[in-house]
Amino acid sequence: MAKWGVDYIVLTSVDRDDIPDGGALHFANTVELLKHKKPDLLVECLVSDFQGMLPSVEILAMSGLKDPIVAEFISPSSVFGQQDQVH
């Protein structure tokens, strides 16, 4: 990838609900490896909502993404009501 001469790369994924952290660690490791090879590379990650697991969001946000934009987390209860909360 470093030899391709690109300055910006987008990683996308289907939901990985089969993995306890939603795949956050895998994405974080991928970002870290990309940034190790080319520190000035801008990486964008289009991933799932990690089932609302904020620790998974934090793992990815702290992986070396440049100036990560972290939207305010809106809990399911604020949208659907208390009975539909995701734990």
Protein backbone atom coordinates (compact mmCIF):
# COMPACT_ATOMS: atom_id res chain seq x y z
CA MET A 1 0.00 0.00 0.00
CA ALA A 2 2.79 2.45 0.84
CA LYS A 3 4.17 2.00 -2.68
CA TRP A 4 0.85 2.90 -4.32
CA GLY A 5 1.49 6.60 -3.79
CA VAL A 6 -1.90 7.33 -2.23
CA ASP A 7 -2.35 9.91 0.51
CA TYR A 8 -5.81 8.89 1.65
CA ILE A 9 -7.38 5.49 2.14
CA VAL A 10 -10.87 4.39 3.22
CA LEU A 11 -11.44 1.12 5.07
CA THR A 12 -14.97 -0.26 4.96
CA SER A 13 -16.62 -3.26 6.52
CA VAL A 14 -19.82 -5.12 7.04
CA ASP A 15 -21.00 -5.44 10.65
CA ARG A 16 -18.82 -7.86 12.61
CA ASP A 17 -21.32 -8.74 15.31
CA ASP A 18 -19.71 -12.18 15.48
CA ILE A 19 -16.63 -10.67 17.16
CA PRO A 20 -16.96 -9.50 20.79
CA ASP A 21 -15.53 -6.01 20.10
CA GLY A 22 -17.27 -5.70 16.73
CA GLY A 23 -13.93 -5.88 14.96
CA ALA A 24 -12.59 -2.70 16.57
CA LEU A 25 -9.21 -4.19 17.48
CA HIS A 26 -8.72 -5.54 13.95
CA PHE A 27 -9.46 -2.13 12.45
CA ALA A 28 -7.23 -0.40 15.01
CA ASN A 29 -4.34 -2.75 14.23
CA THR A 30 -4.84 -2.16 10.50
CA VAL A 31 -4.77 1.62 10.97
CA GLU A 32 -1.66 1.37 13.14
CA LEU A 33 0.13 -0.78 10.57
CA LEU A 34 -0.81 1.57 7.72
CA LYS A 35 0.38 4.60 9.72
CA HIS A 36 3.61 2.78 10.61
CA LYS A 37 4.37 2.29 6.92
CA LYS A 38 3.30 5.82 5.93
CA PRO A 39 2.83 8.19 8.90
CA ASP A 40 1.32 11.01 6.83
CA LEU A 41 -1.37 8.74 5.35
CA LEU A 42 -4.93 9.82 6.11
CA VAL A 43 -7.15 6.88 6.99
CA GLU A 44 -10.94 6.93 7.14
CA CYS A 45 -12.85 4.02 8.66
CA LEU A 46 -16.44 3.36 7.68
CA VAL A 47 -17.43 0.70 10.15
CA SER A 48 -20.44 -0.50 12.10
CA ASP A 49 -21.84 1.12 15.22
CA PHE A 50 -20.10 -1.58 17.31
CA GLN A 51 -23.52 -2.30 18.85
CA GLY A 52 -23.16 0.86 20.93
CA MET A 53 -20.04 -0.41 22.74
CA LEU A 54 -18.15 2.81 23.49
CA PRO A 55 -14.91 0.99 24.45
CA SER A 56 -14.82 -0.40 20.89
CA VAL A 57 -15.34 3.08 19.46
CA GLU A 58 -12.50 4.36 21.64
CA ILE A 59 -10.16 1.56 20.51
CA LEU A 60 -10.59 2.64 16.89
CA ALA A 61 -10.63 6.38 17.59
CA MET A 62 -7.29 6.14 19.42
CA SER A 63 -5.61 3.96 16.77
CA GLY A 64 -3.86 6.77 14.94
CA LEU A 65 -6.67 8.22 12.90
CA LYS A 66 -5.79 11.85 12.23
CA ASP A 67 -8.09 14.15 14.18
CA PRO A 68 -10.84 11.57 14.59
CA ILE A 69 -14.32 13.00 14.46
CA VAL A 70 -16.33 11.26 17.14
CA ALA A 71 -20.02 12.06 16.95
CA GLU A 72 -21.98 12.34 20.17
CA PHE A 73 -23.27 8.89 20.98
CA ILE A 74 -27.05 8.82 20.98
CA SER A 75 -28.29 5.99 23.15
CA PRO A 76 -31.02 3.76 21.77
CA SER A 77 -33.17 4.68 24.79
CA SER A 78 -33.20 8.31 23.72
CA VAL A 79 -34.54 7.28 20.32
CA PHE A 80 -36.71 4.23 21.05
CA GLY A 81 -37.42 4.39 24.79
CA GLN A 82 -36.08 2.47 27.77
CA GLN A 83 -37.45 -0.94 26.77
CA ASP A 84 -35.27 -1.11 23.64
CA GLN A 85 -31.87 -0.37 25.15
CA VAL A 86 -28.84 -2.22 23.83
CA HIS A 87 -26.52 -3.54 26.53
